């Protein structure tokens, strides 16, 4: 869905500086036409900013990039794995240039409200609030948040467009475009 949206919403990728958070392989070939492309991974037990297999190690809640560094920031199915997604969204906003955009996808269960599955205690240990849920083939990505329809309503003042797949007409397949206003 993000590739479909990118082709339609950003036909001039070659003019943009792009930050691709938590790199998704199938987007990389399309994004390589950008003027500047930085792709990241998240490996908590490795130093931030370290290069790991060609990707820059970053923490979404505390990005190391300078303010106003990127025209476009892309992330896919990532926010539900971040303990403080509000802080992550603030960091993304911080490193966007004025007028810049973030394009992302996030799983949303439209007919319920957002619920938290995991939390962090003061000592940093993970606390299960609900039975564990994982994404990934080998259960490698624990789900912290199950976003409900209230997620989109809560971001409404930031969202410029929810871009649905017009071909399949599937309401669960969409990307979200937010723009940083000057």
C-alpha atoms as a PDB file:
ATOM      1  CA  UNK A   1       0.000   0.000   0.000  1.00  0.00           C
ATOM      2  CA  UNK A   2       2.818   2.430   0.776  1.00  0.00           C
ATOM      3  CA  UNK A   3       4.446   1.842  -2.609  1.00  0.00           C
ATOM      4  CA  UNK A   4       1.074   2.425  -4.295  1.00  0.00           C
ATOM      5  CA  UNK A   5       0.607   5.661  -2.330  1.00  0.00           C
ATOM      6  CA  UNK A   6       4.190   6.814  -2.924  1.00  0.00           C
ATOM      7  CA  UNK A   7       3.826   6.495  -6.696  1.00  0.00           C
ATOM      8  CA  UNK A   8       0.596   8.501  -6.666  1.00  0.00           C
ATOM      9  CA  UNK A   9       1.331  11.128  -4.026  1.00  0.00           C
ATOM     10  CA  UNK A  10       5.064  11.686  -4.625  1.00  0.00           C
ATOM     11  CA  UNK A  11       5.822  11.303  -8.333  1.00  0.00           C
ATOM     12  CA  UNK A  12       9.090  13.294  -7.961  1.00  0.00           C
ATOM     13  CA  UNK A  13      10.956  11.184  -5.395  1.00  0.00           C
ATOM     14  CA  UNK A  14      14.300  12.158  -6.982  1.00  0.00           C
ATOM     15  CA  UNK A  15      13.907  15.658  -5.533  1.00  0.00           C
ATOM     16  CA  UNK A  16      13.329  14.527  -1.930  1.00  0.00           C
ATOM     17  CA  UNK A  17      15.393  13.667   1.126  1.00  0.00           C
ATOM     18  CA  UNK A  18      13.712  10.600   2.623  1.00  0.00           C
ATOM     19  CA  UNK A  19      13.945   8.874   5.985  1.00  0.00           C
ATOM     20  CA  UNK A  20      12.660   5.290   5.827  1.00  0.00           C
ATOM     21  CA  UNK A  21      12.110   4.166   9.418  1.00  0.00           C
ATOM     22  CA  UNK A  22      12.445   0.464  10.142  1.00  0.00           C
ATOM     23  CA  UNK A  23      13.199  -0.341   6.542  1.00  0.00           C
ATOM     24  CA  UNK A  24      10.813  -2.548   4.605  1.00  0.00           C
ATOM     25  CA  UNK A  25      12.674  -4.304   1.775  1.00  0.00           C
ATOM     26  CA  UNK A  26      10.033  -3.999  -0.920  1.00  0.00           C
ATOM     27  CA  UNK A  27      10.055  -0.189  -0.643  1.00  0.00           C
ATOM     28  CA  UNK A  28      13.832   0.217  -0.861  1.00  0.00           C
ATOM     29  CA  UNK A  29      14.161  -0.144  -4.660  1.00  0.00           C
ATOM     30  CA  UNK A  30      11.509   2.542  -5.207  1.00  0.00           C
ATOM     31  CA  UNK A  31      13.026   4.864  -2.607  1.00  0.00           C
ATOM     32  CA  UNK A  32      16.579   4.608  -3.993  1.00  0.00           C
ATOM     33  CA  UNK A  33      15.676   7.185  -6.631  1.00  0.00           C
ATOM     34  CA  UNK A  34      15.483   9.844  -3.861  1.00  0.00           C
ATOM     35  CA  UNK A  35      18.023  12.656  -3.689  1.00  0.00           C
ATOM     36  CA  UNK A  36      18.912  11.410  -0.189  1.00  0.00           C
ATOM     37  CA  UNK A  37      17.758   8.175   1.436  1.00  0.00           C
ATOM     38  CA  UNK A  38      18.438   7.104   5.022  1.00  0.00           C
ATOM     39  CA  UNK A  39      17.026   3.741   6.094  1.00  0.00           C
ATOM     40  CA  UNK A  40      16.906   2.617   9.700  1.00  0.00           C
ATOM     41  CA  UNK A  41      16.548  -0.431  11.875  1.00  0.00           C
ATOM     42  CA  UNK A  42      15.974  -0.809  15.619  1.00  0.00           C
ATOM     43  CA  UNK A  43      18.270  -3.118  17.566  1.00  0.00           C
ATOM     44  CA  UNK A  44      17.925  -2.086  21.210  1.00  0.00           C
ATOM     45  CA  UNK A  45      21.070  -3.789  22.464  1.00  0.00           C
ATOM     46  CA  UNK A  46      23.331  -2.102  19.872  1.00  0.00           C
ATOM     47  CA  UNK A  47      24.556   1.529  19.938  1.00  0.00           C
ATOM     48  CA  UNK A  48      22.262   4.097  18.323  1.00  0.00           C
ATOM     49  CA  UNK A  49      23.584   5.495  15.039  1.00  0.00           C
ATOM     50  CA  UNK A  50      25.666   2.330  14.473  1.00  0.00           C
ATOM     51  CA  UNK A  51      25.354   0.973  10.942  1.00  0.00           C
ATOM     52  CA  UNK A  52      23.885  -2.532  10.901  1.00  0.00           C
ATOM     53  CA  UNK A  53      23.734  -4.252   7.510  1.00  0.00           C
ATOM     54  CA  UNK A  54      23.605  -0.876   5.725  1.00  0.00           C
ATOM     55  CA  UNK A  55      20.891   0.526   8.022  1.00  0.00           C
ATOM     56  CA  UNK A  56      21.285   3.189  10.713  1.00  0.00           C
ATOM     57  CA  UNK A  57      20.284   1.988  14.185  1.00  0.00           C
ATOM     58  CA  UNK A  58      17.655   4.389  15.597  1.00  0.00           C
ATOM     59  CA  UNK A  59      15.144   4.648  18.410  1.00  0.00           C
ATOM     60  CA  UNK A  60      11.875   6.153  17.139  1.00  0.00           C
ATOM     61  CA  UNK A  61      11.282   7.776  20.511  1.00  0.00           C
ATOM     62  CA  UNK A  62      14.614   9.639  20.348  1.00  0.00           C
ATOM     63  CA  UNK A  63      15.815  10.110  16.774  1.00  0.00           C
ATOM     64  CA  UNK A  64      19.394  11.344  16.373  1.00  0.00           C
ATOM     65  CA  UNK A  65      18.766  13.444  13.236  1.00  0.00           C
ATOM     66  CA  UNK A  66      18.794  17.226  13.270  1.00  0.00           C
ATOM     67  CA  UNK A  67      15.552  19.169  13.286  1.00  0.00           C
ATOM     68  CA  UNK A  68      14.157  19.749   9.788  1.00  0.00           C
ATOM     69  CA  UNK A  69      16.336  17.148   8.042  1.00  0.00           C
ATOM     70  CA  UNK A  70      13.844  15.332   5.773  1.00  0.00           C
ATOM     71  CA  UNK A  71      11.180  16.102   3.164  1.00  0.00           C
ATOM     72  CA  UNK A  72       9.461  12.741   3.578  1.00  0.00           C
ATOM     73  CA  UNK A  73       9.443  10.156   6.364  1.00  0.00           C
ATOM     74  CA  UNK A  74       8.001   6.710   5.744  1.00  0.00           C
ATOM     75  CA  UNK A  75       7.187   3.955   8.204  1.00  0.00           C
ATOM     76  CA  UNK A  76       5.112   0.829   7.873  1.00  0.00           C
ATOM     77  CA  UNK A  77       3.411  -1.184  10.605  1.00  0.00           C
ATOM     78  CA  UNK A  78       5.809   0.203  13.209  1.00  0.00           C
ATOM     79  CA  UNK A  79       3.914   2.403  15.682  1.00  0.00           C
ATOM     80  CA  UNK A  80       2.102  -0.529  17.280  1.00  0.00           C
ATOM     81  CA  UNK A  81       5.482  -1.812  18.519  1.00  0.00           C
ATOM     82  CA  UNK A  82       6.625   1.471  20.127  1.00  0.00           C
ATOM     83  CA  UNK A  83       6.015   2.000  23.849  1.00  0.00           C
ATOM     84  CA  UNK A  84       5.464   5.768  23.528  1.00  0.00           C
ATOM     85  CA  UNK A  85       4.068   6.259  20.040  1.00  0.00           C
ATOM     86  CA  UNK A  86       3.117   9.881  20.855  1.00  0.00           C
ATOM     87  CA  UNK A  87       6.764  10.667  21.526  1.00  0.00           C
ATOM     88  CA  UNK A  88       7.749   8.820  18.336  1.00  0.00           C
ATOM     89  CA  UNK A  89       5.296  10.927  16.320  1.00  0.00           C
ATOM     90  CA  UNK A  90       6.724  14.099  17.925  1.00  0.00           C
ATOM     91  CA  UNK A  91      10.235  13.024  16.967  1.00  0.00           C
ATOM     92  CA  UNK A  92       9.131  12.361  13.385  1.00  0.00           C
ATOM     93  CA  UNK A  93       7.530  15.811  13.277  1.00  0.00           C
ATOM     94  CA  UNK A  94      10.727  17.362  14.668  1.00  0.00           C
ATOM     95  CA  UNK A  95      12.989  15.949  11.952  1.00  0.00           C
ATOM     96  CA  UNK A  96      10.597  16.830   9.109  1.00  0.00           C
ATOM     97  CA  UNK A  97      11.258  20.012   7.150  1.00  0.00           C
ATOM     98  CA  UNK A  98       8.435  22.584   7.190  1.00  0.00           C
ATOM     99  CA  UNK A  99       5.961  21.426   4.544  1.00  0.00           C
ATOM    100  CA  UNK A 100       7.406  17.906   4.757  1.00  0.00           C
ATOM    101  CA  UNK A 101       5.244  14.801   5.037  1.00  0.00           C
ATOM    102  CA  UNK A 102       5.137  11.503   6.776  1.00  0.00           C
ATOM    103  CA  UNK A 103       3.470   8.617   4.990  1.00  0.00           C
ATOM    104  CA  UNK A 104       2.744   5.550   7.051  1.00  0.00           C
ATOM    105  CA  UNK A 105       0.608   2.518   7.579  1.00  0.00           C
ATOM    106  CA  UNK A 106      -0.606   1.162  10.880  1.00  0.00           C
ATOM    107  CA  UNK A 107      -3.012  -1.668  11.658  1.00  0.00           C
ATOM    108  CA  UNK A 108      -6.344  -0.313  12.896  1.00  0.00           C
ATOM    109  CA  UNK A 109      -9.299  -2.260  14.260  1.00  0.00           C
ATOM    110  CA  UNK A 110     -11.898   0.334  13.268  1.00  0.00           C
ATOM    111  CA  UNK A 111     -14.745  -1.038  15.394  1.00  0.00           C
ATOM    112  CA  UNK A 112     -12.979  -0.780  18.759  1.00  0.00           C
ATOM    113  CA  UNK A 113     -10.921   1.648  20.782  1.00  0.00           C
ATOM    114  CA  UNK A 114      -7.162   1.569  21.140  1.00  0.00           C
ATOM    115  CA  UNK A 115      -5.833  -0.695  23.856  1.00  0.00           C
ATOM    116  CA  UNK A 116      -2.381  -1.185  25.275  1.00  0.00           C
ATOM    117  CA  UNK A 117      -1.021  -4.722  25.520  1.00  0.00           C
ATOM    118  CA  UNK A 118       2.416  -3.979  27.070  1.00  0.00           C
ATOM    119  CA  UNK A 119       3.890  -1.275  29.286  1.00  0.00           C
ATOM    120  CA  UNK A 120       7.281  -0.446  30.743  1.00  0.00           C
ATOM    121  CA  UNK A 121       7.715  -0.279  34.500  1.00  0.00           C
ATOM    122  CA  UNK A 122       9.905   2.415  36.071  1.00  0.00           C
ATOM    123  CA  UNK A 123      12.829  -0.014  36.107  1.00  0.00           C
ATOM    124  CA  UNK A 124      12.480  -0.620  32.369  1.00  0.00           C
ATOM    125  CA  UNK A 125      11.059  -4.145  32.565  1.00  0.00           C
ATOM    126  CA  UNK A 126       8.162  -4.990  30.248  1.00  0.00           C
ATOM    127  CA  UNK A 127       4.794  -5.567  31.916  1.00  0.00           C
ATOM    128  CA  UNK A 128       2.074  -7.575  30.173  1.00  0.00           C
ATOM    129  CA  UNK A 129      -1.298  -5.836  30.462  1.00  0.00           C
ATOM    130  CA  UNK A 130      -3.007  -8.305  28.105  1.00  0.00           C
ATOM    131  CA  UNK A 131      -1.966 -11.711  26.779  1.00  0.00           C
ATOM    132  CA  UNK A 132       1.008 -11.311  24.421  1.00  0.00           C
ATOM    133  CA  UNK A 133       0.510 -10.763  20.705  1.00  0.00           C
ATOM    134  CA  UNK A 134       3.249 -10.712  18.078  1.00  0.00           C
ATOM    135  CA  UNK A 135       3.853  -9.740  14.480  1.00  0.00           C
ATOM    136  CA  UNK A 136       6.411 -11.428  12.276  1.00  0.00           C
ATOM    137  CA  UNK A 137       7.042 -14.945  11.140  1.00  0.00           C
ATOM    138  CA  UNK A 138       8.879 -15.961  14.306  1.00  0.00           C
ATOM    139  CA  UNK A 139       6.931 -13.835  16.785  1.00  0.00           C
ATOM    140  CA  UNK A 140       9.838 -11.403  16.808  1.00  0.00           C
ATOM    141  CA  UNK A 141       7.842  -8.155  17.178  1.00  0.00           C
ATOM    142  CA  UNK A 142       5.711  -7.862  20.333  1.00  0.00           C
ATOM    143  CA  UNK A 143       2.591  -5.723  19.899  1.00  0.00           C
ATOM    144  CA  UNK A 144       2.440  -2.870  22.406  1.00  0.00           C
ATOM    145  CA  UNK A 145      -0.681  -1.174  21.007  1.00  0.00           C
ATOM    146  CA  UNK A 146      -3.789  -2.397  19.224  1.00  0.00           C
ATOM    147  CA  UNK A 147      -5.003   0.760  17.533  1.00  0.00           C
ATOM    148  CA  UNK A 148      -8.720   1.321  17.195  1.00  0.00           C
ATOM    149  CA  UNK A 149     -10.778   3.778  15.198  1.00  0.00           C
ATOM    150  CA  UNK A 150     -10.005   6.409  17.832  1.00  0.00           C
ATOM    151  CA  UNK A 151      -6.375   6.468  16.637  1.00  0.00           C
ATOM    152  CA  UNK A 152      -7.360   8.083  13.332  1.00  0.00           C
ATOM    153  CA  UNK A 153      -9.891  10.385  15.024  1.00  0.00           C
ATOM    154  CA  UNK A 154      -7.212  11.444  17.520  1.00  0.00           C
ATOM    155  CA  UNK A 155      -4.739  12.254  14.729  1.00  0.00           C
ATOM    156  CA  UNK A 156      -7.346  14.044  12.613  1.00  0.00           C
ATOM    157  CA  UNK A 157      -5.812  17.505  13.124  1.00  0.00           C
ATOM    158  CA  UNK A 158      -2.504  16.158  11.774  1.00  0.00           C
ATOM    159  CA  UNK A 159      -3.823  13.962   8.973  1.00  0.00           C
ATOM    160  CA  UNK A 160      -3.999  15.521   5.554  1.00  0.00           C
ATOM    161  CA  UNK A 161      -5.280  12.413   3.842  1.00  0.00           C
ATOM    162  CA  UNK A 162      -6.113   8.776   4.447  1.00  0.00           C
ATOM    163  CA  UNK A 163      -5.227   7.127   1.150  1.00  0.00           C
ATOM    164  CA  UNK A 164      -7.295   4.015   0.505  1.00  0.00           C
ATOM    165  CA  UNK A 165      -6.592   1.352  -2.084  1.00  0.00           C
ATOM    166  CA  UNK A 166      -9.023   2.369  -4.840  1.00  0.00           C
ATOM    167  CA  UNK A 167      -8.520  -0.877  -6.731  1.00  0.00           C
ATOM    168  CA  UNK A 168      -9.663  -3.403  -4.126  1.00  0.00           C
ATOM    169  CA  UNK A 169     -11.937  -0.987  -2.223  1.00  0.00           C
ATOM    170  CA  UNK A 170     -10.798  -2.605   1.015  1.00  0.00           C
ATOM    171  CA  UNK A 171     -11.311  -0.284   4.049  1.00  0.00           C
ATOM    172  CA  UNK A 172      -8.556  -2.043   6.003  1.00  0.00           C
ATOM    173  CA  UNK A 173      -5.862  -1.271   3.403  1.00  0.00           C
ATOM    174  CA  UNK A 174      -4.766   2.347   3.638  1.00  0.00           C
ATOM    175  CA  UNK A 175      -1.876   4.691   4.231  1.00  0.00           C
ATOM    176  CA  UNK A 176      -1.927   7.925   6.218  1.00  0.00           C
ATOM    177  CA  UNK A 177      -0.392  11.180   5.033  1.00  0.00           C
ATOM    178  CA  UNK A 178       0.468  13.892   7.543  1.00  0.00           C
ATOM    179  CA  UNK A 179       2.117  17.209   6.649  1.00  0.00           C
ATOM    180  CA  UNK A 180       4.228  19.447   8.873  1.00  0.00           C
ATOM    181  CA  UNK A 181       2.902  22.963   8.501  1.00  0.00           C
ATOM    182  CA  UNK A 182       5.354  25.840   8.578  1.00  0.00           C
END
